[in-house]
Amino acid sequence: MLAAALLLSLSACKAKPEPTPAPTPTPEATATPEPTPEPTPEPTPEPTPEPTPEPTPEPTNELTPEPPPTSAPDPTSEPTPGTQLRGAYEGEFSSNTGTALNLVVKWVADRGSDGNYSVTFRFYLDCYTIDVGSREDNTLKITTPYAETEYRFATDAVERYEDGRGTVKIGETKLRLTAEELVAGAKAEAAWKFRGSYSKTELPVVTAVGEVRAY
């Protein structure tokens, strides 16, 4: 009996299996996060240098010397280079007697081959009825910056009986002026020796003054 009990006990001890160890769990793989790229810093612009203002020069008390005066050109010389004039000029002027009788002077300046000018003066009466004889002692005075010259000219006898006011030619004369004189301007004074009366006004001389100039 005892032996059977021991045998059963040994059999029970042999039959009890040893516990199987539990398997170690395999850790799940975690994804390694990619590094977030850092923003590239923008370059700081360098400040543009402001231009340095130039110093304002202080005014000096020195005076600019004036150029020496030039001598007046010889009125009989040839035109100076650079004097540009057209071929002809013309104009007119008249007297102012305060009556219905006045002297009208019309002039034309024509350029010659030598560069100087031949100036023709034509004389007219602006009036109503008139009856006057010829005159031989009329004068035309020309004054330029260089000289003063007086010329004599004759006028014709005139008989005018038309109705209304009009002009009638009584004479003409010619003279010469240089280009310099024409540019500078010449004062012309024409004196017609009427020696009579008009509209109950005594008019010994009828004078017309004007300028002859290249414009």
N, C-alpha and C. Protein backbone atom coordinates (compact mmCIF):
# COMPACT_ATOMS: atom_id res chain seq x y z
N MET A 1 0.82 -1.18 0.00
CA MET A 1 0.00 0.00 0.00
C MET A 1 0.84 1.21 0.00
N LEU A 2 1.83 1.17 0.87
CA LEU A 2 2.75 2.34 0.97
C LEU A 2 3.50 2.48 -0.31
N ALA A 3 3.89 1.41 -0.86
CA ALA A 3 4.66 1.49 -2.13
C ALA A 3 3.80 2.00 -3.23
N ALA A 4 2.56 1.61 -3.26
CA ALA A 4 1.69 2.14 -4.31
C ALA A 4 1.47 3.60 -4.17
N ALA A 5 1.37 4.05 -2.92
CA ALA A 5 1.16 5.50 -2.71
C ALA A 5 2.35 6.27 -3.15
N LEU A 6 3.56 5.81 -2.91
CA LEU A 6 4.78 6.51 -3.33
C LEU A 6 4.87 6.54 -4.82
N LEU A 7 4.46 5.43 -5.43
CA LEU A 7 4.56 5.41 -6.90
C LEU A 7 3.60 6.39 -7.51
N LEU A 8 2.42 6.52 -6.94
CA LEU A 8 1.48 7.50 -7.44
C LEU A 8 1.97 8.89 -7.23
N SER A 9 2.62 9.04 -6.07
CA SER A 9 3.15 10.40 -5.78
C SER A 9 4.21 10.78 -6.76
N LEU A 10 5.11 9.81 -7.09
CA LEU A 10 6.19 10.13 -8.04
C LEU A 10 5.61 10.37 -9.41
N SER A 11 4.58 9.56 -9.73
CA SER A 11 3.98 9.80 -11.06
C SER A 11 3.36 11.16 -11.15
N ALA A 12 2.74 11.55 -10.06
CA ALA A 12 2.13 12.91 -10.10
C ALA A 12 3.17 13.99 -10.22
N CYS A 13 4.32 13.69 -9.52
CA CYS A 13 5.37 14.73 -9.61
C CYS A 13 5.93 14.79 -11.01
N LYS A 14 6.09 13.70 -11.69
CA LYS A 14 6.66 13.70 -13.05
C LYS A 14 5.66 14.27 -14.05
N ALA A 15 4.38 14.05 -13.81
CA ALA A 15 3.40 14.51 -14.81
C ALA A 15 3.16 16.01 -14.82
N LYS A 16 3.52 16.68 -13.78
CA LYS A 16 3.26 18.16 -13.72
C LYS A 16 4.25 18.90 -14.59
N PRO A 17 3.78 19.43 -15.72
CA PRO A 17 4.70 20.16 -16.63
C PRO A 17 5.11 21.49 -16.05
N GLU A 18 6.32 21.87 -16.46
CA GLU A 18 6.83 23.19 -16.04
C GLU A 18 6.13 24.26 -16.85
N PRO A 19 5.84 25.36 -16.26
CA PRO A 19 5.15 26.45 -17.00
C PRO A 19 6.00 27.01 -18.11
N THR A 20 5.36 27.17 -19.26
CA THR A 20 6.04 27.77 -20.45
C THR A 20 6.08 29.28 -20.28
N PRO A 21 7.27 29.83 -20.38
CA PRO A 21 7.34 31.32 -20.21
C PRO A 21 6.58 32.01 -21.34
N ALA A 22 5.89 33.09 -20.93
CA ALA A 22 5.11 33.89 -21.91
C ALA A 22 6.05 34.58 -22.86
N PRO A 23 5.69 34.60 -24.14
CA PRO A 23 6.57 35.28 -25.12
C PRO A 23 6.66 36.79 -24.88
N THR A 24 7.89 37.26 -25.05
CA THR A 24 8.12 38.72 -24.87
C THR A 24 7.49 39.48 -26.06
N PRO A 25 6.59 40.45 -25.79
CA PRO A 25 5.94 41.16 -26.92
C PRO A 25 6.93 42.00 -27.69
N THR A 26 6.81 41.91 -29.00
CA THR A 26 7.70 42.69 -29.88
C THR A 26 7.18 44.14 -29.92
N PRO A 27 8.05 45.10 -29.59
CA PRO A 27 7.58 46.51 -29.59
C PRO A 27 7.26 46.95 -31.01
N GLU A 28 6.15 47.72 -31.12
CA GLU A 28 5.76 48.24 -32.42
C GLU A 28 6.74 49.31 -32.87
N ALA A 29 7.05 49.29 -34.16
CA ALA A 29 7.99 50.30 -34.71
C ALA A 29 7.29 51.64 -34.84
N THR A 30 7.88 52.63 -34.29
CA THR A 30 7.35 54.00 -34.39
C THR A 30 8.15 54.76 -35.44
N ALA A 31 7.42 55.51 -36.24
CA ALA A 31 8.10 56.29 -37.31
C ALA A 31 8.84 57.47 -36.70
N THR A 32 10.09 57.59 -37.14
CA THR A 32 10.92 58.71 -36.67
C THR A 32 10.46 59.98 -37.37
N PRO A 33 10.00 60.99 -36.64
CA PRO A 33 9.53 62.21 -37.32
C PRO A 33 10.67 62.93 -38.02
N GLU A 34 10.37 63.39 -39.26
CA GLU A 34 11.39 64.14 -40.01
C GLU A 34 11.54 65.53 -39.39
N PRO A 35 12.74 66.04 -39.38
CA PRO A 35 12.94 67.37 -38.77
C PRO A 35 12.29 68.46 -39.63
N THR A 36 11.59 69.35 -38.96
CA THR A 36 10.95 70.48 -39.65
C THR A 36 12.04 71.44 -40.14
N PRO A 37 12.05 71.74 -41.49
CA PRO A 37 13.13 72.65 -41.96
C PRO A 37 12.93 74.05 -41.42
N GLU A 38 14.02 74.58 -40.94
CA GLU A 38 13.98 75.95 -40.43
C GLU A 38 13.97 76.94 -41.60
N PRO A 39 13.13 78.03 -41.50
CA PRO A 39 13.11 79.02 -42.62
C PRO A 39 14.45 79.70 -42.80
N THR A 40 14.81 79.83 -44.08
CA THR A 40 16.09 80.50 -44.38
C THR A 40 15.93 81.99 -44.12
N PRO A 41 16.73 82.57 -43.28
CA PRO A 41 16.57 84.01 -42.99
C PRO A 41 16.92 84.85 -44.21
N GLU A 42 16.04 85.83 -44.54
CA GLU A 42 16.30 86.74 -45.65
C GLU A 42 17.41 87.73 -45.27
N PRO A 43 18.26 88.04 -46.24
CA PRO A 43 19.35 88.97 -45.89
C PRO A 43 18.81 90.37 -45.63
N THR A 44 19.31 90.98 -44.62
CA THR A 44 18.90 92.35 -44.27
C THR A 44 19.55 93.32 -45.25
N PRO A 45 18.72 94.10 -46.02
CA PRO A 45 19.34 95.02 -47.00
C PRO A 45 20.15 96.10 -46.29
N GLU A 46 21.31 96.33 -46.91
CA GLU A 46 22.15 97.38 -46.33
C GLU A 46 21.57 98.75 -46.67
N PRO A 47 21.61 99.69 -45.78
CA PRO A 47 21.06 101.04 -46.07
C PRO A 47 21.84 101.72 -47.17
N THR A 48 21.08 102.35 -48.12
CA THR A 48 21.72 103.10 -49.22
C THR A 48 22.32 104.38 -48.67
N PRO A 49 23.59 104.59 -48.92
CA PRO A 49 24.19 105.83 -48.35
C PRO A 49 23.63 107.07 -49.04
N GLU A 50 23.21 108.04 -48.29
CA GLU A 50 22.70 109.29 -48.85
C GLU A 50 23.85 110.11 -49.40
N PRO A 51 23.61 110.77 -50.59
CA PRO A 51 24.71 111.58 -51.15
C PRO A 51 25.05 112.76 -50.24
N THR A 52 26.31 112.96 -50.16
CA THR A 52 26.77 114.08 -49.33
C THR A 52 26.60 115.37 -50.10
N PRO A 53 25.78 116.30 -49.59
CA PRO A 53 25.57 117.56 -50.35
C PRO A 53 26.87 118.34 -50.47
N GLU A 54 27.05 118.89 -51.71
CA GLU A 54 28.25 119.70 -51.91
C GLU A 54 28.09 121.04 -51.21
N PRO A 55 29.12 121.51 -50.66
CA PRO A 55 29.01 122.80 -49.95
C PRO A 55 28.72 123.94 -50.91
N THR A 56 27.80 124.80 -50.54
CA THR A 56 27.45 125.97 -51.36
C THR A 56 28.58 126.99 -51.28
N PRO A 57 29.11 127.37 -52.46
CA PRO A 57 30.22 128.34 -52.39
C PRO A 57 29.74 129.67 -51.84
N GLU A 58 30.52 130.22 -51.01
CA GLU A 58 30.19 131.52 -50.44
C GLU A 58 30.44 132.62 -51.47
N PRO A 59 29.51 133.57 -51.54
CA PRO A 59 29.72 134.65 -52.53
C PRO A 59 30.97 135.46 -52.21
N THR A 60 31.64 135.80 -53.28
CA THR A 60 32.84 136.61 -53.11
C THR A 60 32.53 138.06 -53.43
N ASN A 61 33.34 138.90 -52.98
CA ASN A 61 33.14 140.34 -53.19
C ASN A 61 33.85 140.84 -54.44
N GLU A 62 34.44 139.86 -55.18
CA GLU A 62 35.15 140.29 -56.39
C GLU A 62 34.15 140.57 -57.49
N LEU A 63 34.36 141.59 -58.26
CA LEU A 63 33.49 141.98 -59.36
C LEU A 63 34.03 141.40 -60.65
N THR A 64 33.12 140.96 -61.53
CA THR A 64 33.53 140.46 -62.83
C THR A 64 33.94 141.64 -63.71
N PRO A 65 35.13 141.61 -64.21
CA PRO A 65 35.56 142.77 -65.03
C PRO A 65 34.74 142.89 -66.28
N GLU A 66 34.33 144.10 -66.63
CA GLU A 66 33.57 144.34 -67.84
C GLU A 66 34.49 144.31 -69.04
N PRO A 67 33.98 143.79 -70.18
CA PRO A 67 34.84 143.76 -71.38
C PRO A 67 35.15 145.17 -71.85
N PRO A 68 36.31 145.37 -72.42
CA PRO A 68 36.67 146.72 -72.89
C PRO A 68 35.74 147.16 -74.00
N PRO A 69 35.38 148.42 -74.07
CA PRO A 69 34.47 148.91 -75.13
C PRO A 69 35.10 148.75 -76.49
N THR A 70 34.27 148.40 -77.45
CA THR A 70 34.74 148.26 -78.82
C THR A 70 34.53 149.56 -79.57
N SER A 71 35.39 149.83 -80.48
CA SER A 71 35.31 151.07 -81.24
C SER A 71 34.20 150.96 -82.28
N ALA A 72 33.57 152.08 -82.59
CA ALA A 72 32.48 152.11 -83.57
C ALA A 72 33.03 151.77 -84.95
N PRO A 73 32.29 150.98 -85.74
CA PRO A 73 32.79 150.64 -87.07
C PRO A 73 32.80 151.84 -88.00
N ASP A 74 33.69 151.79 -88.94
CA ASP A 74 33.79 152.85 -89.94
C ASP A 74 32.57 152.79 -90.85
N PRO A 75 31.76 153.85 -90.92
CA PRO A 75 30.54 153.78 -91.73
C PRO A 75 30.79 153.54 -93.21
N THR A 76 32.02 153.81 -93.69
CA THR A 76 32.31 153.60 -95.11
C THR A 76 32.88 152.22 -95.38
N SER A 77 33.07 151.40 -94.33
CA SER A 77 33.67 150.09 -94.53
C SER A 77 32.63 149.11 -95.06
N GLU A 78 33.13 147.95 -95.52
CA GLU A 78 32.23 146.91 -96.01
C GLU A 78 31.45 146.32 -94.84
N PRO A 79 30.29 145.72 -95.09
CA PRO A 79 29.52 145.12 -94.01
C PRO A 79 30.33 144.06 -93.29
N THR A 80 30.25 144.04 -91.97
CA THR A 80 30.99 143.07 -91.18
C THR A 80 30.42 141.69 -91.40
N PRO A 81 31.27 140.62 -91.34
CA PRO A 81 30.75 139.26 -91.50
C PRO A 81 29.71 138.96 -90.43
N GLY A 82 28.66 138.28 -90.82
CA GLY A 82 27.61 137.95 -89.86
C GLY A 82 26.42 138.89 -89.93
N THR A 83 26.55 140.03 -90.67
CA THR A 83 25.42 140.94 -90.84
C THR A 83 24.49 140.34 -91.88
N GLN A 84 23.37 139.78 -91.41
CA GLN A 84 22.44 139.11 -92.31
C GLN A 84 21.25 140.03 -92.57
N LEU A 85 21.12 140.49 -93.80
CA LEU A 85 20.01 141.36 -94.19
C LEU A 85 19.33 140.78 -95.42
N ARG A 86 18.07 141.11 -95.55
CA ARG A 86 17.35 140.70 -96.74
C ARG A 86 17.73 141.58 -97.93
N GLY A 87 17.11 141.31 -99.06
CA GLY A 87 17.46 142.09 -100.24
C GLY A 87 16.91 143.49 -100.22
N ALA A 88 15.74 143.73 -99.60
CA ALA A 88 15.13 145.06 -99.65
C ALA A 88 14.30 145.30 -98.38
N TYR A 89 14.17 146.57 -98.05
CA TYR A 89 13.34 147.01 -96.92
C TYR A 89 12.54 148.22 -97.38
N GLU A 90 11.41 148.47 -96.71
CA GLU A 90 10.60 149.62 -97.09
C GLU A 90 9.80 150.09 -95.89
N GLY A 91 9.33 151.33 -95.99
CA GLY A 91 8.53 151.91 -94.93
C GLY A 91 8.01 153.27 -95.35
N GLU A 92 7.31 153.93 -94.44
CA GLU A 92 6.81 155.27 -94.74
C GLU A 92 6.55 156.03 -93.44
N PHE A 93 6.51 157.34 -93.56
CA PHE A 93 6.18 158.21 -92.43
C PHE A 93 5.58 159.49 -93.01
N SER A 94 4.97 160.30 -92.17
CA SER A 94 4.28 161.50 -92.66
C SER A 94 4.35 162.62 -91.63
N SER A 95 3.98 163.79 -92.08
CA SER A 95 3.93 164.96 -91.19
C SER A 95 2.59 164.99 -90.46
N ASN A 96 2.48 165.93 -89.53
CA ASN A 96 1.22 166.14 -88.79
C ASN A 96 1.05 167.65 -88.60
N THR A 97 0.47 168.28 -89.61
CA THR A 97 0.33 169.74 -89.58
C THR A 97 -0.91 170.20 -88.82
N GLY A 98 -1.81 169.28 -88.53
CA GLY A 98 -3.07 169.69 -87.93
C GLY A 98 -4.07 170.19 -88.95
N THR A 99 -3.73 170.08 -90.23
CA THR A 99 -4.64 170.49 -91.31
C THR A 99 -4.87 169.28 -92.22
N ALA A 100 -5.58 169.51 -93.32
CA ALA A 100 -5.83 168.45 -94.29
C ALA A 100 -4.72 168.35 -95.33
N LEU A 101 -3.60 169.04 -95.10
CA LEU A 101 -2.46 168.96 -96.01
C LEU A 101 -1.26 168.41 -95.24
N ASN A 102 -0.74 167.28 -95.70
CA ASN A 102 0.43 166.69 -95.06
C ASN A 102 1.35 166.09 -96.11
N LEU A 103 2.62 165.97 -95.72
CA LEU A 103 3.64 165.38 -96.57
C LEU A 103 3.83 163.91 -96.16
N VAL A 104 3.76 163.00 -97.13
CA VAL A 104 3.96 161.57 -96.91
C VAL A 104 5.26 161.16 -97.60
N VAL A 105 6.11 160.44 -96.86
CA VAL A 105 7.40 159.99 -97.39
C VAL A 105 7.41 158.46 -97.38
N LYS A 106 7.62 157.86 -98.54
CA LYS A 106 7.74 156.41 -98.66
C LYS A 106 9.16 156.09 -99.12
N TRP A 107 9.80 155.11 -98.46
CA TRP A 107 11.18 154.78 -98.81
C TRP A 107 11.34 153.29 -99.06
N VAL A 108 12.28 152.96 -99.94
CA VAL A 108 12.62 151.58 -100.27
C VAL A 108 14.14 151.47 -100.29
N ALA A 109 14.71 150.51 -99.55
CA ALA A 109 16.16 150.29 -99.51
C ALA A 109 16.47 149.00 -100.26
N ASP A 110 17.25 149.11 -101.35
CA ASP A 110 17.64 147.95 -102.16
C ASP A 110 19.12 147.67 -101.97
N ARG A 111 19.45 146.41 -101.74
CA ARG A 111 20.84 146.03 -101.50
C ARG A 111 21.62 145.96 -102.80
N GLY A 112 22.83 146.55 -102.79
CA GLY A 112 23.69 146.52 -103.96
C GLY A 112 24.67 145.37 -103.89
N SER A 113 25.46 145.22 -104.96
CA SER A 113 26.43 144.12 -105.03
C SER A 113 27.55 144.28 -104.01
N ASP A 114 27.79 145.52 -103.53
CA ASP A 114 28.84 145.74 -102.55
C ASP A 114 28.35 145.56 -101.12
N GLY A 115 27.08 145.20 -100.93
CA GLY A 115 26.55 145.00 -99.58
C GLY A 115 25.92 146.22 -98.98
N ASN A 116 26.12 147.40 -99.59
CA ASN A 116 25.49 148.62 -99.11
C ASN A 116 24.12 148.79 -99.78
N TYR A 117 23.39 149.84 -99.37
CA TYR A 117 22.00 149.98 -99.80
C TYR A 117 21.76 151.31 -100.50
N SER A 118 21.00 151.22 -101.59
CA SER A 118 20.50 152.40 -102.29
C SER A 118 19.08 152.65 -101.80
N VAL A 119 18.85 153.81 -101.20
CA VAL A 119 17.55 154.12 -100.59
C VAL A 119 16.85 155.18 -101.44
N THR A 120 15.67 154.83 -101.91
CA THR A 120 14.86 155.75 -102.71
C THR A 120 13.76 156.34 -101.84
N PHE A 121 13.68 157.66 -101.80
CA PHE A 121 12.63 158.38 -101.07
C PHE A 121 11.65 158.97 -102.09
N ARG A 122 10.37 158.70 -101.92
CA ARG A 122 9.32 159.26 -102.78
C ARG A 122 8.41 160.13 -101.91
N PHE A 123 8.07 161.30 -102.41
CA PHE A 123 7.33 162.30 -101.64
C PHE A 123 5.94 162.50 -102.24
N TYR A 124 4.94 162.51 -101.35
CA TYR A 124 3.54 162.67 -101.77
C TYR A 124 2.88 163.73 -100.90
N LEU A 125 1.86 164.37 -101.47
CA LEU A 125 1.00 165.25 -100.69
C LEU A 125 -0.30 164.52 -100.41
N ASP A 126 -0.73 164.55 -99.17
CA ASP A 126 -2.02 164.00 -98.76
C ASP A 126 -2.93 165.20 -98.50
N CYS A 127 -3.93 165.41 -99.38
CA CYS A 127 -4.71 166.64 -99.29
C CYS A 127 -6.01 166.53 -100.07
N TYR A 128 -6.77 167.62 -100.06
CA TYR A 128 -7.94 167.77 -100.92
C TYR A 128 -7.49 168.57 -102.15
N THR A 129 -8.16 169.65 -102.46
CA THR A 129 -7.79 170.50 -103.59
C THR A 129 -6.50 171.27 -103.29
N ILE A 130 -5.61 171.35 -104.30
CA ILE A 130 -4.37 172.10 -104.11
C ILE A 130 -3.85 172.55 -105.48
N ASP A 131 -3.20 173.69 -105.47
CA ASP A 131 -2.56 174.23 -106.68
C ASP A 131 -1.27 174.90 -106.20
N VAL A 132 -0.13 174.26 -106.47
CA VAL A 132 1.15 174.75 -105.95
C VAL A 132 2.22 174.57 -107.02
N GLY A 133 3.17 175.50 -107.06
CA GLY A 133 4.25 175.43 -108.04
C GLY A 133 5.37 174.51 -107.57
N SER A 134 6.38 174.36 -108.42
CA SER A 134 7.53 173.51 -108.12
C SER A 134 8.40 174.17 -107.04
N ARG A 135 9.16 173.34 -106.35
CA ARG A 135 10.08 173.82 -105.31
C ARG A 135 11.44 173.17 -105.54
N GLU A 136 12.50 173.96 -105.43
CA GLU A 136 13.86 173.47 -105.70
C GLU A 136 14.70 173.34 -104.42
N ASP A 137 14.27 173.94 -103.34
CA ASP A 137 15.14 174.03 -102.15
C ASP A 137 14.64 173.17 -100.99
N ASN A 138 13.94 172.09 -101.31
CA ASN A 138 13.53 171.18 -100.23
C ASN A 138 14.75 170.42 -99.70
N THR A 139 14.68 169.95 -98.46
CA THR A 139 15.83 169.28 -97.85
C THR A 139 15.42 167.94 -97.23
N LEU A 140 16.39 167.03 -97.24
CA LEU A 140 16.24 165.72 -96.59
C LEU A 140 17.50 165.51 -95.74
N LYS A 141 17.32 165.53 -94.41
CA LYS A 141 18.45 165.36 -93.50
C LYS A 141 18.44 163.94 -92.95
N ILE A 142 19.60 163.27 -93.10
CA ILE A 142 19.76 161.89 -92.63
C ILE A 142 20.76 161.90 -91.48
N THR A 143 20.35 161.37 -90.33
CA THR A 143 21.21 161.31 -89.15
C THR A 143 21.39 159.86 -88.75
N THR A 144 22.66 159.40 -88.72
CA THR A 144 22.99 158.04 -88.27
C THR A 144 23.89 158.15 -87.05
N PRO A 145 24.20 157.01 -86.39
CA PRO A 145 25.14 157.08 -85.27
C PRO A 145 26.53 157.53 -85.67
N TYR A 146 26.79 157.60 -86.98
CA TYR A 146 28.14 157.93 -87.43
C TYR A 146 28.26 159.30 -88.09
N ALA A 147 27.14 159.82 -88.63
CA ALA A 147 27.24 161.10 -89.35
C ALA A 147 25.85 161.69 -89.52
N GLU A 148 25.84 162.98 -89.91
CA GLU A 148 24.61 163.69 -90.24
C GLU A 148 24.82 164.38 -91.58
N THR A 149 23.94 164.08 -92.54
CA THR A 149 24.10 164.60 -93.90
C THR A 149 22.77 165.18 -94.36
N GLU A 150 22.85 166.33 -95.03
CA GLU A 150 21.65 166.98 -95.57
C GLU A 150 21.71 166.98 -97.09
N TYR A 151 20.62 166.55 -97.70
CA TYR A 151 20.50 166.50 -99.16
C TYR A 151 19.41 167.48 -99.60
N ARG A 152 19.50 167.93 -100.85
CA ARG A 152 18.46 168.78 -101.43
C ARG A 152 17.72 168.00 -102.51
N PHE A 153 16.43 168.24 -102.60
CA PHE A 153 15.64 167.59 -103.64
C PHE A 153 14.58 168.57 -104.14
N ALA A 154 14.17 168.37 -105.38
CA ALA A 154 13.16 169.24 -106.01
C ALA A 154 11.82 168.53 -106.05
N THR A 155 10.74 169.33 -106.07
CA THR A 155 9.38 168.79 -106.20
C THR A 155 8.67 169.47 -107.36
N ASP A 156 7.71 168.74 -107.93
CA ASP A 156 7.00 169.23 -109.11
C ASP A 156 5.83 170.14 -108.72
N ALA A 157 5.40 170.92 -109.69
CA ALA A 157 4.16 171.69 -109.52
C ALA A 157 2.98 170.72 -109.52
N VAL A 158 1.97 171.02 -108.71
CA VAL A 158 0.83 170.11 -108.55
C VAL A 158 -0.46 170.91 -108.66
N GLU A 159 -1.40 170.39 -109.45
CA GLU A 159 -2.77 170.92 -109.50
C GLU A 159 -3.71 169.74 -109.27
N ARG A 160 -4.48 169.83 -108.22
CA ARG A 160 -5.41 168.73 -107.92
C ARG A 160 -6.76 169.35 -107.56
N TYR A 161 -7.79 168.89 -108.32
CA TYR A 161 -9.13 169.43 -108.10
C TYR A 161 -10.18 168.33 -107.92
N GLU A 162 -9.72 167.08 -107.73
CA GLU A 162 -10.68 165.99 -107.54
C GLU A 162 -11.45 166.16 -106.23
N ASP A 163 -12.63 165.60 -106.21
CA ASP A 163 -13.42 165.60 -104.98
C ASP A 163 -12.83 164.57 -104.01
N GLY A 164 -12.90 164.89 -102.76
CA GLY A 164 -12.40 163.96 -101.75
C GLY A 164 -10.91 164.08 -101.54
N ARG A 165 -10.47 163.45 -100.49
CA ARG A 165 -9.06 163.51 -100.12
C ARG A 165 -8.29 162.42 -100.85
N GLY A 166 -7.03 162.71 -101.20
CA GLY A 166 -6.19 161.75 -101.90
C GLY A 166 -4.73 162.11 -101.81
N THR A 167 -3.89 161.30 -102.45
CA THR A 167 -2.44 161.55 -102.44
C THR A 167 -1.97 161.78 -103.88
N VAL A 168 -0.96 162.61 -104.02
CA VAL A 168 -0.39 162.90 -105.32
C VAL A 168 1.13 163.00 -105.14
N LYS A 169 1.87 162.38 -106.05
CA LYS A 169 3.33 162.38 -105.96
C LYS A 169 3.87 163.71 -106.45
N ILE A 170 4.89 164.21 -105.70
CA ILE A 170 5.50 165.49 -106.08
C ILE A 170 6.99 165.37 -106.36
N GLY A 171 7.65 164.23 -106.04
CA GLY A 171 9.08 164.10 -106.32
C GLY A 171 9.69 162.89 -105.65
N GLU A 172 11.00 162.69 -105.94
CA GLU A 172 11.74 161.60 -105.31
C GLU A 172 13.23 161.91 -105.36
N THR A 173 14.00 161.21 -104.54
CA THR A 173 15.45 161.36 -104.51
C THR A 173 16.06 160.06 -104.00
N LYS A 174 17.37 159.85 -104.27
CA LYS A 174 18.07 158.64 -103.86
C LYS A 174 19.33 158.99 -103.10
N LEU A 175 19.72 158.11 -102.19
CA LEU A 175 20.98 158.23 -101.47
C LEU A 175 21.44 156.84 -101.07
N ARG A 176 22.66 156.75 -100.53
CA ARG A 176 23.22 155.44 -100.15
C ARG A 176 23.46 155.38 -98.65
N LEU A 177 23.19 154.19 -98.10
CA LEU A 177 23.46 153.91 -96.69
C LEU A 177 24.20 152.57 -96.60
N THR A 178 25.11 152.45 -95.65
CA THR A 178 25.79 151.18 -95.44
C THR A 178 24.86 150.23 -94.69
N ALA A 179 25.23 148.95 -94.71
CA ALA A 179 24.44 147.96 -93.97
C ALA A 179 24.43 148.26 -92.48
N GLU A 180 25.59 148.73 -91.94
CA GLU A 180 25.66 149.07 -90.52
C GLU A 180 24.71 150.22 -90.18
N GLU A 181 24.65 151.23 -91.06
CA GLU A 181 23.75 152.36 -90.82
C GLU A 181 22.29 151.93 -90.87
N LEU A 182 21.98 151.01 -91.81
CA LEU A 182 20.61 150.56 -91.93
C LEU A 182 20.20 149.72 -90.72
N VAL A 183 21.11 148.92 -90.19
CA VAL A 183 20.81 148.11 -89.01
C VAL A 183 20.68 149.01 -87.78
N ALA A 184 21.58 149.98 -87.64
CA ALA A 184 21.52 150.88 -86.49
C ALA A 184 20.31 151.80 -86.55
N GLY A 185 19.86 152.11 -87.76
CA GLY A 185 18.71 153.00 -87.91
C GLY A 185 19.15 154.42 -88.24
N ALA A 186 18.52 155.00 -89.23
CA ALA A 186 18.83 156.37 -89.65
C ALA A 186 17.58 157.22 -89.50
N LYS A 187 17.74 158.37 -88.84
CA LYS A 187 16.63 159.31 -88.71
C LYS A 187 16.55 160.13 -90.00
N ALA A 188 15.34 160.18 -90.58
CA ALA A 188 15.13 160.94 -91.82
C ALA A 188 14.17 162.08 -91.54
N GLU A 189 14.56 163.29 -91.95
CA GLU A 189 13.73 164.49 -91.76
C GLU A 189 13.59 165.20 -93.10
N ALA A 190 12.38 165.09 -93.68
CA ALA A 190 12.11 165.71 -94.98
C ALA A 190 11.34 167.01 -94.78
N ALA A 191 11.82 168.09 -95.41
CA ALA A 191 11.20 169.41 -95.27
C ALA A 191 10.79 169.91 -96.67
N TRP A 192 9.48 170.03 -96.88
CA TRP A 192 8.94 170.55 -98.15
C TRP A 192 8.60 172.02 -97.94
N LYS A 193 9.22 172.91 -98.76
CA LYS A 193 9.06 174.35 -98.60
C LYS A 193 7.76 174.81 -99.30
N PHE A 194 6.66 174.65 -98.61
CA PHE A 194 5.35 174.99 -99.18
C PHE A 194 5.19 176.51 -99.34
N ARG A 195 5.49 177.24 -98.30
CA ARG A 195 5.39 178.69 -98.27
C ARG A 195 3.99 179.16 -98.70
N GLY A 196 2.98 178.58 -98.06
CA GLY A 196 1.61 178.96 -98.37
C GLY A 196 0.72 178.68 -97.17
N SER A 197 -0.58 178.74 -97.41
CA SER A 197 -1.56 178.48 -96.35
C SER A 197 -2.54 177.43 -96.84
N TYR A 198 -3.07 176.68 -95.89
CA TYR A 198 -4.04 175.65 -96.22
C TYR A 198 -5.05 175.60 -95.08
N SER A 199 -6.32 175.62 -95.44
CA SER A 199 -7.40 175.65 -94.44
C SER A 199 -7.19 176.81 -93.47
N LYS A 200 -6.80 177.96 -94.04
CA LYS A 200 -6.58 179.18 -93.29
C LYS A 200 -5.46 179.05 -92.24
N THR A 201 -4.51 178.12 -92.51
CA THR A 201 -3.36 177.92 -91.61
C THR A 201 -2.09 178.14 -92.41
N GLU A 202 -1.24 179.04 -91.93
CA GLU A 202 0.03 179.32 -92.60
C GLU A 202 0.98 178.13 -92.42
N LEU A 203 1.52 177.67 -93.55
CA LEU A 203 2.45 176.52 -93.53
C LEU A 203 3.67 176.86 -94.37
N PRO A 204 4.63 177.58 -93.81
CA PRO A 204 5.83 177.88 -94.59
C PRO A 204 6.60 176.63 -94.97
N VAL A 205 6.70 175.68 -94.04
CA VAL A 205 7.42 174.41 -94.28
C VAL A 205 6.58 173.27 -93.73
N VAL A 206 6.48 172.19 -94.49
CA VAL A 206 5.80 170.98 -94.02
C VAL A 206 6.88 169.93 -93.81
N THR A 207 7.03 169.47 -92.57
CA THR A 207 8.14 168.57 -92.20
C THR A 207 7.60 167.21 -91.77
N ALA A 208 8.19 166.18 -92.33
CA ALA A 208 7.88 164.80 -91.95
C ALA A 208 9.14 164.15 -91.40
N VAL A 209 9.03 163.48 -90.24
CA VAL A 209 10.18 162.85 -89.58
C VAL A 209 9.87 161.38 -89.35
N GLY A 210 10.83 160.54 -89.69
CA GLY A 210 10.66 159.10 -89.48
C GLY A 210 12.00 158.40 -89.40
N GLU A 211 11.97 157.07 -89.41
CA GLU A 211 13.20 156.28 -89.28
C GLU A 211 13.30 155.31 -90.43
N VAL A 212 14.52 155.19 -90.94
CA VAL A 212 14.84 154.21 -91.97
C VAL A 212 15.68 153.14 -91.30
N ARG A 213 15.17 151.92 -91.24
CA ARG A 213 15.86 150.85 -90.48
C ARG A 213 15.55 149.49 -91.08
N ALA A 214 16.54 148.61 -90.96
CA ALA A 214 16.35 147.21 -91.37
C ALA A 214 15.78 146.45 -90.19
N TYR A 215 14.57 145.92 -90.31
CA TYR A 215 13.91 145.21 -89.22
C TYR A 215 14.02 143.71 -89.44
